[in-house]
């Protein structure tokens, strides 16, 4: 790969090429005690601007139905957060300290570039997409964050797509620095007309796992009963709590294993089973919760949601959690099972980004959320900015949607 010494800046222009938005990153981190500010610069053609104003909006929305079903004034969408920033002419109440990257962009782009900045509340959900089915079209259901820039005399004017810039960004969480206790669960089953029992104990080696890591579960069975355990079923399940008008929970298996391990009467059994939950094995499952957008290659199973204590769940959209289930199939005795909750997330970068954007990125390899793009080497204090179109790699075999302007393009 090429040298990455230049400062990466992402840009997107309106279809009529009169407005361009510049952002230093596309993924903004929720640190639980604060969220990275969403700041950037908008460049406007002065002949197009004339006597109009420049507005930038940031919207967090929860879409819970297909766009083509929005008829008769009904919309399957709930706006969880809307903020408006007047970039030009600047308002006194919108004044804020410029980041180093904004200062450098303003020097480089000239007098017709204007800064903007948003502060995200801590109680907003992270970006989650529900995997659409093969026949679904349009925007996928889920929670997304969208920046929109446009010129108009007032906010009430109707804005056309060709005259505005729309960018979808992501709000993400990283794994906590201090993991929780080691998950362990046990249960004892007594059978009818018998005073002897079947005892099942299962444990994980830790609570926190990173995406792509194997998950090993230790299963210990003490069978003092007269029954026989015919086989064992191990599964990892994703639970998605949809917090809208009321809370509904959906579960979906993302990794499964079935073993023909017998445990005879009056015997013990101990074995370690390993599963790896991956999106690659679950791409056909409609409604599965994913990080970010399905149509991009850096998508994966949704990370576990870490909720701050006392948070209002009504505005959290989708809460994701995972459990590993161990089930014993007993001959003429039903099933015996336990569940182990665990956390599935991305690791924190070696040098985590700070809330105030850095003018020079760290030399270490970018984290998994970083945008892995190859750049040429540039030199000079302000000339080392490398502009890259605001786009993500498409999944192989998927055609671009007609409304790509609503996503990344």
Protein backbone atom coordinates (compact mmCIF):
# COMPACT_ATOMS: atom_id res chain seq x y z
CA UNK A 1 0.00 0.00 0.00
CA UNK A 2 1.03 3.60 -0.43
CA UNK A 3 2.28 5.94 2.23
CA UNK A 4 -0.49 7.25 4.49
CA UNK A 5 1.30 10.36 5.79
CA UNK A 6 -1.36 12.73 4.42
CA UNK A 7 -4.39 13.76 6.48
CA UNK A 8 -7.40 11.91 5.11
CA UNK A 9 -10.42 14.10 4.44
CA UNK A 10 -13.65 12.81 2.91
CA UNK A 11 -15.73 14.93 0.59
CA UNK A 12 -19.05 14.71 -1.20
CA UNK A 13 -20.55 17.16 -3.69
CA UNK A 14 -24.14 17.87 -4.63
CA UNK A 15 -25.29 16.54 -8.04
CA UNK A 16 -25.17 20.10 -9.42
CA UNK A 17 -21.60 20.46 -8.03
CA UNK A 18 -22.42 23.75 -6.28
CA UNK A 19 -21.91 22.50 -2.71
CA UNK A 20 -19.25 20.21 -1.26
CA UNK A 21 -19.05 18.88 2.29
CA UNK A 22 -15.70 17.88 3.86
CA UNK A 23 -15.41 15.58 6.90
CA UNK A 24 -12.32 14.27 8.67
CA UNK A 25 -14.00 10.92 9.41
CA UNK A 26 -17.21 9.00 8.92
CA UNK A 27 -17.34 7.06 12.18
CA UNK A 28 -17.92 8.97 15.42
CA UNK A 29 -17.26 7.25 18.75
CA UNK A 30 -19.56 7.11 21.75
CA UNK A 31 -17.23 7.10 24.78
CA UNK A 32 -20.22 6.73 27.17
CA UNK A 33 -19.27 9.93 29.02
CA UNK A 34 -19.18 11.95 25.76
CA UNK A 35 -19.55 11.56 21.99
CA UNK A 36 -17.13 12.80 19.35
CA UNK A 37 -18.35 16.12 17.88
CA UNK A 38 -19.48 16.00 14.26
CA UNK A 39 -17.60 18.83 12.59
CA UNK A 40 -16.59 19.67 9.06
CA UNK A 41 -16.55 22.33 6.36
CA UNK A 42 -19.01 23.15 3.57
CA UNK A 43 -17.75 24.83 0.35
CA UNK A 44 -20.27 26.83 -1.72
CA UNK A 45 -20.09 28.29 -5.21
CA UNK A 46 -20.51 32.09 -4.62
CA UNK A 47 -22.47 32.56 -7.86
CA UNK A 48 -24.92 29.90 -6.70
CA UNK A 49 -25.15 31.25 -3.13
CA UNK A 50 -26.22 34.81 -4.04
CA UNK A 51 -28.41 36.14 -1.21
CA UNK A 52 -29.24 32.77 0.30
CA UNK A 53 -28.08 31.11 3.49
CA UNK A 54 -26.10 27.90 3.99
CA UNK A 55 -27.69 25.34 6.31
CA UNK A 56 -26.38 22.00 7.58
CA UNK A 57 -28.65 19.53 9.40
CA UNK A 58 -27.88 16.38 11.36
CA UNK A 59 -30.66 13.82 11.81
CA UNK A 60 -30.79 10.57 13.74
CA UNK A 61 -33.73 8.53 12.48
CA UNK A 62 -35.20 5.10 13.12
CA UNK A 63 -36.76 3.63 9.98
CA UNK A 64 -39.01 0.68 10.82
CA UNK A 65 -40.70 0.09 7.48
CA UNK A 66 -39.89 0.12 3.78
CA UNK A 67 -39.82 3.46 1.99
CA UNK A 68 -42.14 2.28 -0.76
CA UNK A 69 -44.85 1.72 1.88
CA UNK A 70 -44.87 5.41 2.85
CA UNK A 71 -48.28 6.29 1.42
CA UNK A 72 -51.27 8.43 2.39
CA UNK A 73 -49.10 10.62 4.57
CA UNK A 74 -47.96 7.69 6.71
CA UNK A 75 -44.23 7.37 7.28
CA UNK A 76 -42.52 4.36 8.81
CA UNK A 77 -39.83 6.58 10.26
CA UNK A 78 -39.25 8.22 13.62
CA UNK A 79 -36.80 11.09 13.98
CA UNK A 80 -34.94 10.63 17.27
CA UNK A 81 -32.78 13.76 16.96
CA UNK A 82 -32.68 16.76 14.61
CA UNK A 83 -30.19 19.64 14.79
CA UNK A 84 -29.72 22.59 12.41
CA UNK A 85 -26.58 24.68 11.96
CA UNK A 86 -26.52 27.91 9.93
CA UNK A 87 -23.05 27.91 8.43
CA UNK A 88 -23.48 31.20 6.52
CA UNK A 89 -24.02 33.87 7.56
CA UNK A 90 -22.71 32.58 10.90
CA UNK A 91 -24.87 33.12 13.99
CA UNK A 92 -23.31 34.21 17.31
CA UNK A 93 -24.96 31.30 19.15
CA UNK A 94 -23.34 28.84 16.72
CA UNK A 95 -19.79 30.02 17.39
CA UNK A 96 -17.43 27.26 18.52
CA UNK A 97 -13.66 26.69 18.61
CA UNK A 98 -12.41 25.38 15.29
CA UNK A 99 -10.58 22.07 15.21
CA UNK A 100 -7.10 22.05 13.65
CA UNK A 101 -8.47 20.22 10.62
CA UNK A 102 -11.19 22.84 10.12
CA UNK A 103 -8.61 25.62 10.33
CA UNK A 104 -6.45 23.95 7.70
CA UNK A 105 -9.41 23.26 5.42
CA UNK A 106 -10.59 26.88 5.64
CA UNK A 107 -7.11 28.09 4.68
CA UNK A 108 -6.92 25.65 1.80
CA UNK A 109 -10.45 26.08 0.42
CA UNK A 110 -10.69 29.86 0.69
CA UNK A 111 -13.27 32.43 1.74
CA UNK A 112 -16.29 30.54 0.43
CA UNK A 113 -15.80 27.63 2.82
CA UNK A 114 -17.72 27.67 6.10
CA UNK A 115 -17.31 25.47 9.21
CA UNK A 116 -20.07 23.61 11.03
CA UNK A 117 -20.21 21.57 14.24
CA UNK A 118 -22.77 19.38 16.03
CA UNK A 119 -22.75 17.93 19.53
CA UNK A 120 -24.53 14.58 19.81
CA UNK A 121 -26.47 13.76 22.99
CA UNK A 122 -25.17 10.75 24.90
CA UNK A 123 -28.52 8.96 24.93
CA UNK A 124 -28.78 8.43 21.17
CA UNK A 125 -28.47 4.89 19.76
CA UNK A 126 -25.56 3.63 17.72
CA UNK A 127 -25.90 3.02 13.98
CA UNK A 128 -27.64 -0.31 13.39
CA UNK A 129 -29.12 -1.73 10.19
CA UNK A 130 -31.63 -4.57 9.98
CA UNK A 131 -30.60 -6.89 7.16
CA UNK A 132 -33.16 -6.71 4.33
CA UNK A 133 -34.52 -9.71 2.49
CA UNK A 134 -33.53 -10.57 -1.10
CA UNK A 135 -36.62 -8.85 -2.52
CA UNK A 136 -36.50 -5.71 -0.34
CA UNK A 137 -35.67 -2.41 -2.04
CA UNK A 138 -34.89 1.10 -0.88
CA UNK A 139 -33.42 2.09 2.46
CA UNK A 140 -32.96 -0.69 4.97
CA UNK A 141 -34.70 -0.50 8.33
CA UNK A 142 -32.62 0.58 11.29
CA UNK A 143 -31.02 3.58 12.95
CA UNK A 144 -28.89 5.95 10.86
CA UNK A 145 -27.32 9.40 11.12
CA UNK A 146 -27.48 11.72 8.12
CA UNK A 147 -25.80 15.06 7.43
CA UNK A 148 -27.49 17.29 4.88
CA UNK A 149 -26.16 20.59 3.50
CA UNK A 150 -28.11 23.01 1.27
CA UNK A 151 -28.62 26.66 0.34
CA UNK A 152 -31.95 28.42 0.82
CA UNK A 153 -33.45 31.66 2.06
CA UNK A 154 -35.34 29.84 4.83
CA UNK A 155 -35.42 26.37 6.35
CA UNK A 156 -38.99 25.92 5.12
CA UNK A 157 -38.09 25.96 1.43
CA UNK A 158 -38.39 22.69 -0.44
CA UNK A 159 -34.91 21.34 -1.16
CA UNK A 160 -34.28 19.14 -4.19
CA UNK A 161 -31.75 16.30 -4.17
CA UNK A 162 -29.63 17.82 -6.93
CA UNK A 163 -29.20 21.01 -4.90
CA UNK A 164 -28.13 19.38 -1.64
CA UNK A 165 -25.47 17.08 -0.19
CA UNK A 166 -26.53 14.09 1.89
CA UNK A 167 -24.07 11.90 3.78
CA UNK A 168 -24.70 8.99 6.13
CA UNK A 169 -22.25 8.78 9.02
CA UNK A 170 -22.03 6.22 11.83
CA UNK A 171 -22.08 6.44 15.61
CA UNK A 172 -20.12 3.53 17.06
CA UNK A 173 -18.99 2.08 20.38
CA UNK A 174 -15.79 0.21 21.20
CA UNK A 175 -15.32 -2.57 23.73
CA UNK A 176 -15.03 -1.42 27.35
CA UNK A 177 -11.58 -1.35 28.91
CA UNK A 178 -12.75 -3.33 31.94
CA UNK A 179 -14.64 -6.52 31.01
CA UNK A 180 -17.31 -7.98 33.22
CA UNK A 181 -17.20 -11.24 35.21
CA UNK A 182 -16.77 -14.62 33.53
CA UNK A 183 -20.21 -15.92 32.46
CA UNK A 184 -21.32 -19.14 34.14
CA UNK A 185 -24.71 -20.82 34.46
CA UNK A 186 -26.00 -24.09 35.87
CA UNK A 187 -29.29 -25.89 36.29
CA UNK A 188 -30.55 -29.12 37.84
CA UNK A 189 -33.43 -31.11 36.38
CA UNK A 190 -35.50 -33.56 38.41
CA UNK A 191 -37.64 -36.05 36.56
CA UNK A 192 -41.08 -37.39 37.40
CA UNK A 193 -41.19 -40.49 39.61
CA UNK A 194 -37.45 -40.25 40.29
CA UNK A 195 -35.40 -38.79 43.11
CA UNK A 196 -32.24 -38.55 41.01
CA UNK A 197 -31.32 -35.52 38.93
CA UNK A 198 -29.43 -34.31 35.87
CA UNK A 199 -27.05 -31.39 36.44
CA UNK A 200 -25.81 -29.11 33.63
CA UNK A 201 -23.09 -26.48 34.06
CA UNK A 202 -21.68 -24.26 31.30
CA UNK A 203 -19.15 -21.43 31.31
CA UNK A 204 -17.28 -19.13 28.92
CA UNK A 205 -13.62 -18.26 29.35
CA UNK A 206 -14.48 -14.50 29.38
CA UNK A 207 -17.36 -12.09 28.90
CA UNK A 208 -15.97 -9.95 26.06
CA UNK A 209 -15.27 -11.22 22.54
CA UNK A 210 -14.20 -9.33 19.43
CA UNK A 211 -15.88 -9.78 16.05
CA UNK A 212 -14.43 -12.85 14.29
CA UNK A 213 -13.04 -14.44 17.45
CA UNK A 214 -13.97 -18.06 18.29
CA UNK A 215 -16.18 -18.48 21.35
CA UNK A 216 -15.40 -21.54 23.47
CA UNK A 217 -17.92 -22.89 25.98
CA UNK A 218 -17.07 -25.50 28.61
CA UNK A 219 -19.96 -27.93 29.16
CA UNK A 220 -20.03 -30.18 32.22
CA UNK A 221 -22.85 -32.72 32.73
CA UNK A 222 -23.43 -34.87 35.80
CA UNK A 223 -26.13 -37.41 35.00
CA UNK A 224 -27.33 -39.15 38.17
CA UNK A 225 -30.74 -39.84 36.65
CA UNK A 226 -31.99 -42.89 34.77
CA UNK A 227 -32.30 -40.86 31.56
CA UNK A 228 -29.79 -40.66 28.70
CA UNK A 229 -28.61 -37.47 27.04
CA UNK A 230 -28.86 -38.21 23.30
CA UNK A 231 -27.17 -35.11 21.85
CA UNK A 232 -26.22 -31.51 22.54
CA UNK A 233 -27.14 -28.32 20.72
CA UNK A 234 -24.98 -25.21 21.12
CA UNK A 235 -26.06 -21.92 19.56
CA UNK A 236 -25.19 -18.22 19.65
CA UNK A 237 -28.27 -16.02 19.47
CA UNK A 238 -28.57 -12.35 18.69
CA UNK A 239 -31.32 -10.50 20.56
CA UNK A 240 -32.58 -7.17 19.20
CA UNK A 241 -34.87 -5.11 21.43
CA UNK A 242 -36.84 -2.71 19.22
CA UNK A 243 -37.62 0.32 21.40
CA UNK A 244 -40.28 2.26 19.55
CA UNK A 245 -43.83 2.81 20.77
CA UNK A 246 -43.46 -0.37 22.82
CA UNK A 247 -40.52 -2.73 23.29
CA UNK A 248 -40.45 -5.93 21.24
CA UNK A 249 -37.64 -8.47 21.22
CA UNK A 250 -36.45 -10.47 18.23
CA UNK A 251 -33.95 -13.31 18.37
CA UNK A 252 -31.92 -14.85 15.59
CA UNK A 253 -29.33 -17.67 15.73
CA UNK A 254 -26.01 -16.55 14.22
CA UNK A 255 -23.94 -19.69 14.95
CA UNK A 256 -25.08 -23.25 15.66
CA UNK A 257 -23.48 -26.57 16.46
CA UNK A 258 -25.07 -29.97 17.09
CA UNK A 259 -23.04 -32.84 18.56
CA UNK A 260 -24.04 -36.49 18.95
CA UNK A 261 -22.42 -36.71 22.36
CA UNK A 262 -24.18 -39.22 24.64
CA UNK A 263 -24.21 -39.05 28.41
CA UNK A 264 -25.39 -42.32 29.89
CA UNK A 265 -27.14 -42.78 33.19
CA UNK A 266 -24.93 -42.46 36.30
CA UNK A 267 -22.02 -40.86 34.41
CA UNK A 268 -20.32 -37.51 33.90
CA UNK A 269 -19.28 -35.66 30.76
CA UNK A 270 -17.05 -32.65 30.09
CA UNK A 271 -16.16 -31.06 26.74
CA UNK A 272 -15.31 -27.69 25.20
CA UNK A 273 -17.27 -26.59 22.11
CA UNK A 274 -16.25 -23.71 19.84
CA UNK A 275 -18.42 -21.48 17.63
CA UNK A 276 -17.62 -18.41 15.51
CA UNK A 277 -20.54 -16.02 14.85
CA UNK A 278 -19.95 -14.30 11.48
CA UNK A 279 -22.09 -12.31 9.07
CA UNK A 280 -20.72 -14.37 6.14
CA UNK A 281 -22.73 -17.36 7.41
CA UNK A 282 -25.93 -15.34 7.90
CA UNK A 283 -26.34 -13.11 4.86
CA UNK A 284 -29.76 -14.54 3.93
CA UNK A 285 -31.40 -13.94 7.31
CA UNK A 286 -33.88 -11.09 7.07
CA UNK A 287 -34.04 -8.80 10.09
CA UNK A 288 -30.58 -9.61 11.46
CA UNK A 289 -29.04 -6.56 13.17
CA UNK A 290 -25.82 -5.30 11.55
CA UNK A 291 -23.36 -2.47 12.13
CA UNK A 292 -23.74 0.31 9.58
CA UNK A 293 -24.97 -0.35 6.04
CA UNK A 294 -25.43 -3.80 4.53
CA UNK A 295 -24.24 -2.76 1.07
CA UNK A 296 -20.68 -2.02 2.25
CA UNK A 297 -17.92 -4.54 2.74
CA UNK A 298 -16.96 -3.33 6.22
CA UNK A 299 -20.34 -4.38 7.63
CA UNK A 300 -20.50 -7.05 10.32
CA UNK A 301 -22.91 -8.39 12.91
CA UNK A 302 -24.16 -5.58 15.11
CA UNK A 303 -22.03 -4.94 18.18
CA UNK A 304 -23.51 -5.34 21.62
CA UNK A 305 -25.13 -2.16 22.87
CA UNK A 306 -23.67 -0.67 26.04
CA UNK A 307 -26.36 1.38 27.74
CA UNK A 308 -25.43 4.08 30.19
CA UNK A 309 -27.15 3.69 33.54
CA UNK A 310 -30.41 5.61 33.71
CA UNK A 311 -30.68 6.08 29.93
CA UNK A 312 -34.14 6.49 28.40
CA UNK A 313 -34.65 3.36 26.33
CA UNK A 314 -37.46 4.93 24.30
CA UNK A 315 -34.94 6.88 22.22
CA UNK A 316 -32.39 4.06 21.91
CA UNK A 317 -33.97 2.56 18.79
CA UNK A 318 -32.40 -0.89 18.70
CA UNK A 319 -30.62 -2.57 21.62
CA UNK A 320 -28.45 -5.53 20.62
CA UNK A 321 -27.26 -8.30 22.93
CA UNK A 322 -25.92 -11.86 22.55
CA UNK A 323 -26.36 -15.10 24.46
CA UNK A 324 -24.89 -18.56 24.03
CA UNK A 325 -27.38 -21.37 24.66
CA UNK A 326 -26.46 -24.93 25.64
CA UNK A 327 -29.29 -27.44 25.27
CA UNK A 328 -29.26 -31.13 26.20
CA UNK A 329 -31.71 -33.39 24.37
CA UNK A 330 -32.79 -36.04 26.89
CA UNK A 331 -34.47 -39.30 25.87
CA UNK A 332 -38.09 -39.33 27.08
CA UNK A 333 -37.31 -36.44 29.37
CA UNK A 334 -37.52 -33.22 27.33
CA UNK A 335 -34.73 -30.66 27.07
CA UNK A 336 -32.41 -29.15 29.65
CA UNK A 337 -30.78 -25.81 28.80
CA UNK A 338 -28.87 -22.79 30.13
CA UNK A 339 -28.00 -19.42 28.55
CA UNK A 340 -24.80 -17.41 28.92
CA UNK A 341 -24.88 -13.66 28.07
CA UNK A 342 -21.71 -12.18 26.58
CA UNK A 343 -20.51 -9.02 24.82
CA UNK A 344 -19.51 -8.94 21.13
CA UNK A 345 -17.76 -5.73 20.01
CA UNK A 346 -14.80 -4.20 18.17
CA UNK A 347 -11.60 -3.57 20.13
CA UNK A 348 -10.54 -0.04 20.89
CA UNK A 349 -7.81 1.22 18.54
CA UNK A 350 -4.26 1.15 19.87
CA UNK A 351 -4.35 4.94 19.82
CA UNK A 352 -8.06 5.82 20.08
CA UNK A 353 -9.21 8.95 18.27
CA UNK A 354 -9.76 11.98 20.48
CA UNK A 355 -12.90 14.10 20.43
CA UNK A 356 -11.02 17.00 18.81
CA UNK A 357 -9.87 15.83 15.35
CA UNK A 358 -6.12 15.52 14.93
CA UNK A 359 -4.38 17.22 12.04
CA UNK A 360 -2.10 14.23 11.57
CA UNK A 361 -3.43 10.67 12.00
CA UNK A 362 -1.50 8.12 14.12
CA UNK A 363 1.18 6.11 12.38
CA UNK A 364 -0.26 2.80 13.60
CA UNK A 365 -2.54 0.69 11.43
CA UNK A 366 -6.11 2.07 11.39
CA UNK A 367 -8.76 0.30 13.51
CA UNK A 368 -11.45 -1.84 11.91
CA UNK A 369 -13.83 1.12 11.77
CA UNK A 370 -11.28 3.27 9.97
CA UNK A 371 -11.68 3.76 6.26
CA UNK A 372 -8.95 1.70 4.66
CA UNK A 373 -8.02 3.71 1.59
CA UNK A 374 -4.69 4.05 -0.17
CA UNK A 375 -3.22 7.53 -0.46
CA UNK A 376 -0.26 9.15 -2.15
CA UNK A 377 2.41 10.94 -0.12
CA UNK A 378 2.11 14.72 0.10
CA UNK A 379 4.28 17.19 1.92
CA UNK A 380 3.78 20.57 3.55
CA UNK A 381 1.85 21.68 6.57
CA UNK A 382 -1.41 22.41 4.74
CA UNK A 383 -0.71 20.60 1.48
CA UNK A 384 -0.65 17.12 3.06
CA UNK A 385 -4.48 16.98 3.08
CA UNK A 386 -5.66 14.16 0.82
CA UNK A 387 -9.26 14.43 -0.39
CA UNK A 388 -11.16 11.20 -0.91
CA UNK A 389 -14.69 10.80 -2.24
CA UNK A 390 -17.18 9.98 0.50
CA UNK A 391 -17.75 6.36 -0.48
CA UNK A 392 -17.44 2.83 0.82
CA UNK A 393 -16.62 -0.30 -1.14
CA UNK A 394 -19.65 -2.11 -2.48
CA UNK A 395 -20.35 -5.77 -1.74
CA UNK A 396 -19.46 -7.95 -4.69
CA UNK A 397 -22.43 -8.95 -6.82
CA UNK A 398 -24.73 -6.16 -5.56
CA UNK A 399 -26.01 -3.50 -7.94
CA UNK A 400 -26.09 0.13 -6.90
CA UNK A 401 -29.49 1.39 -5.82
CA UNK A 402 -31.16 4.19 -7.73
CA UNK A 403 -31.25 6.28 -4.57
CA UNK A 404 -27.55 5.91 -3.88
CA UNK A 405 -27.38 9.63 -3.15
CA UNK A 406 -29.21 8.84 0.07
CA UNK A 407 -26.31 6.65 1.20
CA UNK A 408 -22.67 6.75 0.17
CA UNK A 409 -21.87 7.62 -3.42
